[in-house]
Amino acid sequence: MADAKIEIKMGGFAFTGEGTEKWLSGELEKVLAKLSELADVTQLETTAAENSEGGITKKKNGKLGTLAAFLKEKNTTSNQVKKFLATSVYLHDTTGKNRLTTTEVKNTLKNANQPKLNNPSDCLNSNVTKGHCEKDGDKGFFVTDPGRASLGM
């Protein structure tokens, strides 16, 4: 018979345990150690479910970290066209938005204390020419699979 019972709910994540006090405290420690990781996954699933445009949000290759680290990892800090593309991928994966604007990319770089792009619209047009991005009328643009592949994703 169980001596102890615990129930934890955090967003869409729930843990319920029932058993001896010793066993339950061990399991609780494991859950608490993984709680931030589980919360990220739960938040990501919730964002995908709530996305009004029907897109699925998922992180590629694990956690993205900061924009600066992502740009450095993808070796895009010195090429403005690649920096625009990498920032767009970062925005797609962290915000869950299906469509982006050049203003959003520009502001994201500014807010992350990254050097600005000289001409974000020209960077977008260069990526469209290469097939790395696709414009969607007044709704903005999105990164294509070949665009992701060009960054090694």
N, C-alpha and C. Protein backbone atom coordinates (compact mmCIF):
# COMPACT_ATOMS: atom_id res chain seq x y z
N MET A 1 0.84 -1.19 0.00
CA MET A 1 0.00 0.00 0.00
C MET A 1 0.88 1.25 0.00
N ALA A 2 0.45 2.27 -0.69
CA ALA A 2 1.22 3.50 -0.84
C ALA A 2 1.16 4.34 0.41
N ASP A 3 2.35 4.85 0.82
CA ASP A 3 2.38 5.77 1.96
C ASP A 3 2.27 7.22 1.52
N ALA A 4 2.64 7.48 0.26
CA ALA A 4 2.69 8.87 -0.19
C ALA A 4 2.17 8.98 -1.62
N LYS A 5 1.67 10.17 -1.90
CA LYS A 5 1.17 10.45 -3.24
C LYS A 5 1.51 11.90 -3.57
N ILE A 6 1.90 12.14 -4.84
CA ILE A 6 2.22 13.50 -5.25
C ILE A 6 1.69 13.73 -6.66
N GLU A 7 1.26 14.96 -6.90
CA GLU A 7 0.78 15.35 -8.22
C GLU A 7 1.33 16.73 -8.53
N ILE A 8 1.99 16.85 -9.69
CA ILE A 8 2.57 18.12 -10.12
C ILE A 8 2.03 18.43 -11.51
N LYS A 9 1.55 19.67 -11.68
CA LYS A 9 1.10 20.12 -13.00
C LYS A 9 1.81 21.43 -13.32
N MET A 10 2.34 21.49 -14.54
CA MET A 10 3.01 22.72 -14.99
C MET A 10 2.68 22.89 -16.46
N GLY A 11 1.79 23.81 -16.77
CA GLY A 11 1.35 23.98 -18.15
C GLY A 11 0.67 22.72 -18.62
N GLY A 12 1.15 22.16 -19.72
CA GLY A 12 0.59 20.93 -20.26
C GLY A 12 1.25 19.69 -19.70
N PHE A 13 2.24 19.84 -18.82
CA PHE A 13 2.95 18.70 -18.24
C PHE A 13 2.33 18.34 -16.90
N ALA A 14 2.14 17.04 -16.67
CA ALA A 14 1.61 16.58 -15.39
C ALA A 14 2.37 15.33 -14.96
N PHE A 15 2.66 15.23 -13.67
CA PHE A 15 3.31 14.06 -13.10
C PHE A 15 2.52 13.65 -11.86
N THR A 16 2.15 12.39 -11.80
CA THR A 16 1.47 11.85 -10.63
C THR A 16 2.23 10.62 -10.18
N GLY A 17 2.54 10.57 -8.91
CA GLY A 17 3.26 9.42 -8.37
C GLY A 17 2.64 8.95 -7.07
N GLU A 18 2.65 7.64 -6.88
CA GLU A 18 2.11 7.05 -5.67
C GLU A 18 2.98 5.86 -5.31
N GLY A 19 3.44 5.80 -4.08
CA GLY A 19 4.29 4.70 -3.64
C GLY A 19 4.88 4.99 -2.28
N THR A 20 5.96 4.28 -1.98
CA THR A 20 6.61 4.51 -0.69
C THR A 20 7.27 5.88 -0.72
N GLU A 21 7.47 6.43 0.46
CA GLU A 21 8.05 7.76 0.56
C GLU A 21 9.45 7.78 -0.06
N LYS A 22 10.24 6.75 0.18
CA LYS A 22 11.60 6.68 -0.34
C LYS A 22 11.59 6.64 -1.88
N TRP A 23 10.77 5.78 -2.44
CA TRP A 23 10.71 5.66 -3.90
C TRP A 23 10.20 6.96 -4.52
N LEU A 24 9.17 7.53 -3.93
CA LEU A 24 8.56 8.75 -4.46
C LEU A 24 9.54 9.93 -4.43
N SER A 25 10.32 10.04 -3.36
CA SER A 25 11.27 11.16 -3.29
C SER A 25 12.35 11.00 -4.36
N GLY A 26 12.76 9.77 -4.64
CA GLY A 26 13.73 9.53 -5.71
C GLY A 26 13.17 9.90 -7.07
N GLU A 27 11.93 9.52 -7.34
CA GLU A 27 11.29 9.85 -8.61
C GLU A 27 11.06 11.35 -8.74
N LEU A 28 10.71 11.98 -7.63
CA LEU A 28 10.48 13.43 -7.64
C LEU A 28 11.77 14.17 -8.00
N GLU A 29 12.90 13.71 -7.45
CA GLU A 29 14.19 14.33 -7.78
C GLU A 29 14.48 14.22 -9.27
N LYS A 30 14.18 13.07 -9.86
CA LYS A 30 14.40 12.88 -11.30
C LYS A 30 13.52 13.83 -12.11
N VAL A 31 12.26 13.96 -11.73
CA VAL A 31 11.34 14.84 -12.44
C VAL A 31 11.79 16.29 -12.32
N LEU A 32 12.16 16.70 -11.11
CA LEU A 32 12.59 18.08 -10.91
C LEU A 32 13.86 18.39 -11.69
N ALA A 33 14.75 17.41 -11.82
CA ALA A 33 15.98 17.61 -12.58
C ALA A 33 15.68 17.83 -14.06
N LYS A 34 14.63 17.22 -14.56
CA LYS A 34 14.28 17.32 -15.98
C LYS A 34 13.17 18.34 -16.24
N LEU A 35 12.69 19.03 -15.21
CA LEU A 35 11.52 19.89 -15.33
C LEU A 35 11.67 20.98 -16.39
N SER A 36 12.81 21.67 -16.44
CA SER A 36 12.95 22.74 -17.42
C SER A 36 12.93 22.19 -18.84
N GLU A 37 13.56 21.03 -19.05
CA GLU A 37 13.55 20.40 -20.38
C GLU A 37 12.13 19.97 -20.75
N LEU A 38 11.41 19.40 -19.79
CA LEU A 38 10.04 18.97 -20.04
C LEU A 38 9.13 20.17 -20.31
N ALA A 39 9.38 21.26 -19.61
CA ALA A 39 8.57 22.47 -19.81
C ALA A 39 8.80 23.02 -21.21
N ASP A 40 10.05 22.99 -21.71
CA ASP A 40 10.34 23.45 -23.07
C ASP A 40 9.57 22.63 -24.09
N VAL A 41 9.58 21.31 -23.93
CA VAL A 41 8.89 20.42 -24.86
C VAL A 41 7.39 20.67 -24.81
N THR A 42 6.85 20.81 -23.60
CA THR A 42 5.42 21.06 -23.43
C THR A 42 5.03 22.39 -24.05
N GLN A 43 5.84 23.42 -23.83
CA GLN A 43 5.56 24.74 -24.40
C GLN A 43 5.62 24.68 -25.92
N LEU A 44 6.58 23.95 -26.45
CA LEU A 44 6.72 23.81 -27.90
C LEU A 44 5.49 23.12 -28.49
N GLU A 45 5.01 22.06 -27.83
CA GLU A 45 3.82 21.34 -28.31
C GLU A 45 2.59 22.23 -28.24
N THR A 46 2.48 23.01 -27.17
CA THR A 46 1.35 23.92 -27.00
C THR A 46 1.36 24.98 -28.09
N THR A 47 2.54 25.54 -28.38
CA THR A 47 2.67 26.56 -29.43
C THR A 47 2.24 25.99 -30.77
N ALA A 48 2.65 24.77 -31.07
CA ALA A 48 2.28 24.15 -32.35
C ALA A 48 0.78 23.95 -32.42
N ALA A 49 0.17 23.52 -31.33
CA ALA A 49 -1.27 23.27 -31.31
C ALA A 49 -2.05 24.58 -31.43
N GLU A 50 -1.51 25.67 -30.89
CA GLU A 50 -2.21 26.94 -30.91
C GLU A 50 -1.95 27.74 -32.18
N ASN A 51 -1.01 27.31 -33.00
CA ASN A 51 -0.65 28.06 -34.19
C ASN A 51 -1.86 28.16 -35.12
N SER A 52 -2.34 29.37 -35.31
CA SER A 52 -3.58 29.57 -36.06
C SER A 52 -3.43 29.28 -37.55
N GLU A 53 -2.21 29.27 -38.05
CA GLU A 53 -2.02 29.02 -39.47
C GLU A 53 -1.79 27.55 -39.76
N GLY A 54 -1.86 26.71 -38.75
CA GLY A 54 -1.78 25.27 -38.95
C GLY A 54 -0.39 24.72 -39.09
N GLY A 55 0.64 25.54 -38.95
CA GLY A 55 2.01 25.05 -39.08
C GLY A 55 2.44 24.30 -37.84
N ILE A 56 3.45 23.49 -37.98
CA ILE A 56 3.97 22.75 -36.84
C ILE A 56 5.31 23.36 -36.47
N THR A 57 5.44 23.73 -35.21
CA THR A 57 6.68 24.29 -34.72
C THR A 57 7.51 23.18 -34.12
N LYS A 58 8.76 23.09 -34.53
CA LYS A 58 9.64 22.13 -33.90
C LYS A 58 11.05 22.66 -33.92
N LYS A 59 11.78 22.31 -32.91
CA LYS A 59 13.16 22.71 -32.86
C LYS A 59 13.98 21.74 -33.69
N LYS A 60 14.90 22.27 -34.43
CA LYS A 60 15.80 21.45 -35.23
C LYS A 60 17.11 21.30 -34.46
N ASN A 61 17.64 20.10 -34.42
CA ASN A 61 18.93 19.83 -33.79
C ASN A 61 18.99 20.30 -32.34
N GLY A 62 17.94 20.08 -31.58
CA GLY A 62 17.95 20.40 -30.16
C GLY A 62 17.68 21.87 -29.88
N LYS A 63 18.14 22.33 -28.72
CA LYS A 63 17.90 23.70 -28.30
C LYS A 63 18.67 24.68 -29.17
N LEU A 64 18.06 25.83 -29.42
CA LEU A 64 18.69 26.83 -30.27
C LEU A 64 19.57 27.78 -29.48
N GLY A 65 19.28 28.04 -28.23
CA GLY A 65 20.08 28.97 -27.44
C GLY A 65 19.84 30.40 -27.89
N THR A 66 20.88 31.23 -27.75
CA THR A 66 20.75 32.64 -28.13
C THR A 66 20.96 32.81 -29.63
N LEU A 67 20.49 33.93 -30.14
CA LEU A 67 20.67 34.22 -31.56
C LEU A 67 22.16 34.33 -31.88
N ALA A 68 22.91 35.01 -31.02
CA ALA A 68 24.34 35.18 -31.27
C ALA A 68 25.05 33.83 -31.39
N ALA A 69 24.74 32.92 -30.49
CA ALA A 69 25.35 31.59 -30.53
C ALA A 69 24.92 30.83 -31.78
N PHE A 70 23.65 30.97 -32.16
CA PHE A 70 23.13 30.29 -33.34
C PHE A 70 23.83 30.80 -34.60
N LEU A 71 23.98 32.12 -34.72
CA LEU A 71 24.65 32.69 -35.89
C LEU A 71 26.11 32.25 -35.96
N LYS A 72 26.76 32.20 -34.81
CA LYS A 72 28.16 31.77 -34.78
C LYS A 72 28.28 30.29 -35.15
N GLU A 73 27.38 29.47 -34.60
CA GLU A 73 27.39 28.03 -34.89
C GLU A 73 27.20 27.77 -36.38
N LYS A 74 26.35 28.56 -37.02
CA LYS A 74 26.07 28.38 -38.45
C LYS A 74 27.06 29.13 -39.33
N ASN A 75 28.05 29.78 -38.72
CA ASN A 75 29.10 30.50 -39.43
C ASN A 75 28.53 31.54 -40.40
N THR A 76 27.62 32.36 -39.88
CA THR A 76 26.93 33.33 -40.73
C THR A 76 27.16 34.77 -40.28
N THR A 77 28.12 35.00 -39.40
CA THR A 77 28.29 36.35 -38.86
C THR A 77 28.90 37.33 -39.86
N SER A 78 29.63 36.85 -40.86
CA SER A 78 30.30 37.78 -41.78
C SER A 78 29.59 37.95 -43.12
N ASN A 79 28.63 37.10 -43.44
CA ASN A 79 27.91 37.19 -44.71
C ASN A 79 26.48 37.63 -44.43
N GLN A 80 26.12 38.81 -44.92
CA GLN A 80 24.81 39.38 -44.59
C GLN A 80 23.64 38.56 -45.11
N VAL A 81 23.76 37.98 -46.30
CA VAL A 81 22.67 37.18 -46.87
C VAL A 81 22.46 35.92 -46.02
N LYS A 82 23.56 35.28 -45.62
CA LYS A 82 23.46 34.08 -44.78
C LYS A 82 22.97 34.44 -43.37
N LYS A 83 23.41 35.60 -42.86
CA LYS A 83 22.96 36.04 -41.54
C LYS A 83 21.45 36.27 -41.54
N PHE A 84 20.94 36.87 -42.61
CA PHE A 84 19.50 37.08 -42.76
C PHE A 84 18.78 35.73 -42.75
N LEU A 85 19.30 34.77 -43.52
CA LEU A 85 18.69 33.44 -43.61
C LEU A 85 18.71 32.74 -42.25
N ALA A 86 19.86 32.75 -41.58
CA ALA A 86 19.98 32.08 -40.28
C ALA A 86 19.08 32.73 -39.24
N THR A 87 18.99 34.05 -39.25
CA THR A 87 18.11 34.75 -38.31
C THR A 87 16.65 34.39 -38.59
N SER A 88 16.31 34.25 -39.85
CA SER A 88 14.94 33.86 -40.22
C SER A 88 14.62 32.46 -39.73
N VAL A 89 15.56 31.53 -39.89
CA VAL A 89 15.36 30.16 -39.39
C VAL A 89 15.19 30.19 -37.87
N TYR A 90 16.04 30.97 -37.20
CA TYR A 90 15.97 31.10 -35.75
C TYR A 90 14.59 31.62 -35.33
N LEU A 91 14.09 32.63 -36.02
CA LEU A 91 12.77 33.18 -35.71
C LEU A 91 11.66 32.16 -35.95
N HIS A 92 11.73 31.45 -37.08
CA HIS A 92 10.73 30.41 -37.37
C HIS A 92 10.69 29.40 -36.23
N ASP A 93 11.87 28.96 -35.79
CA ASP A 93 11.95 27.88 -34.81
C ASP A 93 11.67 28.32 -33.38
N THR A 94 11.91 29.58 -33.05
CA THR A 94 11.68 30.03 -31.68
C THR A 94 10.31 30.67 -31.47
N THR A 95 9.74 31.26 -32.52
CA THR A 95 8.45 31.92 -32.35
C THR A 95 7.29 31.08 -32.85
N GLY A 96 7.58 30.14 -33.74
CA GLY A 96 6.52 29.31 -34.30
C GLY A 96 5.73 30.00 -35.40
N LYS A 97 6.17 31.18 -35.81
CA LYS A 97 5.46 31.89 -36.88
C LYS A 97 5.73 31.23 -38.22
N ASN A 98 4.70 31.14 -39.04
CA ASN A 98 4.86 30.58 -40.39
C ASN A 98 5.42 31.61 -41.36
N ARG A 99 5.09 32.86 -41.17
CA ARG A 99 5.53 33.92 -42.07
C ARG A 99 6.25 34.99 -41.27
N LEU A 100 7.31 35.53 -41.86
CA LEU A 100 8.11 36.57 -41.23
C LEU A 100 8.16 37.79 -42.15
N THR A 101 8.58 38.91 -41.57
CA THR A 101 8.81 40.11 -42.37
C THR A 101 10.27 40.53 -42.21
N THR A 102 10.76 41.33 -43.15
CA THR A 102 12.14 41.80 -43.04
C THR A 102 12.32 42.67 -41.79
N THR A 103 11.28 43.38 -41.41
CA THR A 103 11.33 44.21 -40.20
C THR A 103 11.54 43.35 -38.96
N GLU A 104 10.86 42.20 -38.91
CA GLU A 104 11.04 41.29 -37.76
C GLU A 104 12.47 40.78 -37.69
N VAL A 105 13.04 40.45 -38.83
CA VAL A 105 14.43 39.97 -38.86
C VAL A 105 15.36 41.08 -38.39
N LYS A 106 15.17 42.28 -38.93
CA LYS A 106 16.00 43.43 -38.57
C LYS A 106 15.91 43.72 -37.07
N ASN A 107 14.69 43.74 -36.53
CA ASN A 107 14.50 44.03 -35.11
C ASN A 107 15.05 42.93 -34.21
N THR A 108 14.98 41.68 -34.66
CA THR A 108 15.52 40.58 -33.87
C THR A 108 17.03 40.72 -33.73
N LEU A 109 17.69 41.06 -34.82
CA LEU A 109 19.14 41.28 -34.76
C LEU A 109 19.47 42.46 -33.83
N LYS A 110 18.70 43.52 -33.94
CA LYS A 110 18.92 44.71 -33.10
C LYS A 110 18.72 44.37 -31.62
N ASN A 111 17.64 43.66 -31.30
CA ASN A 111 17.34 43.31 -29.91
C ASN A 111 18.35 42.33 -29.32
N ALA A 112 19.03 41.57 -30.19
CA ALA A 112 20.04 40.62 -29.72
C ALA A 112 21.44 41.25 -29.75
N ASN A 113 21.50 42.57 -29.94
CA ASN A 113 22.77 43.31 -29.98
C ASN A 113 23.72 42.76 -31.04
N GLN A 114 23.17 42.41 -32.19
CA GLN A 114 23.97 41.93 -33.32
C GLN A 114 24.10 43.05 -34.34
N PRO A 115 25.21 43.06 -35.09
CA PRO A 115 25.37 44.10 -36.13
C PRO A 115 24.20 44.07 -37.11
N LYS A 116 23.76 45.26 -37.50
CA LYS A 116 22.59 45.35 -38.37
C LYS A 116 22.93 44.95 -39.80
N LEU A 117 21.88 44.63 -40.53
CA LEU A 117 22.01 44.33 -41.95
C LEU A 117 21.94 45.66 -42.71
N ASN A 118 22.79 45.84 -43.72
CA ASN A 118 22.76 47.08 -44.49
C ASN A 118 21.46 47.24 -45.26
N ASN A 119 20.97 46.14 -45.85
CA ASN A 119 19.75 46.20 -46.64
C ASN A 119 18.99 44.87 -46.51
N PRO A 120 18.14 44.74 -45.48
CA PRO A 120 17.43 43.47 -45.26
C PRO A 120 16.58 43.03 -46.46
N SER A 121 15.97 43.97 -47.16
CA SER A 121 15.14 43.61 -48.33
C SER A 121 15.99 42.99 -49.43
N ASP A 122 17.19 43.52 -49.62
CA ASP A 122 18.10 42.95 -50.62
C ASP A 122 18.56 41.55 -50.20
N CYS A 123 18.79 41.36 -48.90
CA CYS A 123 19.16 40.03 -48.39
C CYS A 123 18.04 39.03 -48.65
N LEU A 124 16.80 39.45 -48.42
CA LEU A 124 15.66 38.57 -48.70
C LEU A 124 15.61 38.23 -50.18
N ASN A 125 15.74 39.23 -51.04
CA ASN A 125 15.68 39.00 -52.48
C ASN A 125 16.79 38.05 -52.94
N SER A 126 17.98 38.18 -52.36
CA SER A 126 19.08 37.27 -52.70
C SER A 126 18.75 35.85 -52.29
N ASN A 127 18.15 35.69 -51.11
CA ASN A 127 17.76 34.35 -50.64
C ASN A 127 16.62 33.78 -51.49
N VAL A 128 15.72 34.62 -51.95
CA VAL A 128 14.63 34.16 -52.83
C VAL A 128 15.23 33.68 -54.15
N THR A 129 16.18 34.43 -54.70
CA THR A 129 16.84 34.05 -55.96
C THR A 129 17.53 32.69 -55.84
N LYS A 130 18.14 32.43 -54.68
CA LYS A 130 18.83 31.16 -54.44
C LYS A 130 17.87 30.02 -54.12
N GLY A 131 16.60 30.36 -53.88
CA GLY A 131 15.62 29.34 -53.51
C GLY A 131 15.61 29.02 -52.03
N HIS A 132 16.27 29.85 -51.23
CA HIS A 132 16.36 29.62 -49.78
C HIS A 132 15.16 30.20 -49.03
N CYS A 133 14.50 31.18 -49.62
CA CYS A 133 13.29 31.77 -49.04
C CYS A 133 12.25 31.90 -50.15
N GLU A 134 11.00 32.05 -49.72
CA GLU A 134 9.93 32.26 -50.69
C GLU A 134 9.00 33.34 -50.15
N LYS A 135 8.70 34.32 -51.00
CA LYS A 135 7.79 35.39 -50.61
C LYS A 135 6.36 34.88 -50.72
N ASP A 136 5.51 35.42 -49.83
CA ASP A 136 4.11 35.01 -49.81
C ASP A 136 3.23 36.25 -49.83
N GLY A 137 3.34 37.04 -50.88
CA GLY A 137 2.52 38.24 -51.03
C GLY A 137 2.71 39.21 -49.88
N ASP A 138 1.60 39.75 -49.39
CA ASP A 138 1.64 40.71 -48.29
C ASP A 138 1.90 40.05 -46.94
N LYS A 139 1.82 38.72 -46.91
CA LYS A 139 1.96 38.01 -45.64
C LYS A 139 3.41 37.89 -45.18
N GLY A 140 4.36 38.19 -46.03
CA GLY A 140 5.76 38.08 -45.66
C GLY A 140 6.48 37.01 -46.45
N PHE A 141 7.35 36.27 -45.78
CA PHE A 141 8.13 35.24 -46.44
C PHE A 141 8.36 34.08 -45.47
N PHE A 142 8.88 32.97 -46.01
CA PHE A 142 9.26 31.84 -45.18
C PHE A 142 10.53 31.22 -45.73
N VAL A 143 11.22 30.46 -44.88
CA VAL A 143 12.45 29.77 -45.28
C VAL A 143 12.06 28.42 -45.85
N THR A 144 12.64 28.08 -46.99
CA THR A 144 12.36 26.80 -47.65
C THR A 144 13.27 25.70 -47.09
N ASP A 145 12.94 24.46 -47.40
CA ASP A 145 13.79 23.34 -46.97
C ASP A 145 15.21 23.45 -47.54
N PRO A 146 15.38 23.83 -48.82
CA PRO A 146 16.75 24.03 -49.31
C PRO A 146 17.49 25.13 -48.55
N GLY A 147 16.76 26.14 -48.08
CA GLY A 147 17.37 27.19 -47.27
C GLY A 147 17.90 26.64 -45.96
N ARG A 148 17.11 25.80 -45.32
CA ARG A 148 17.56 25.14 -44.08
C ARG A 148 18.76 24.25 -44.36
N ALA A 149 18.68 23.51 -45.47
CA ALA A 149 19.76 22.59 -45.82
C ALA A 149 21.07 23.35 -46.06
N SER A 150 20.98 24.55 -46.61
CA SER A 150 22.19 25.33 -46.87
C SER A 150 22.88 25.74 -45.57
N LEU A 151 22.14 25.71 -44.47
CA LEU A 151 22.72 26.01 -43.15
C LEU A 151 23.10 24.74 -42.39
N GLY A 152 22.93 23.61 -43.04
CA GLY A 152 23.27 22.34 -42.40
C GLY A 152 22.20 21.83 -41.46
N MET A 153 20.96 22.18 -41.73
CA MET A 153 19.86 21.76 -40.85
C MET A 153 18.98 20.74 -41.56
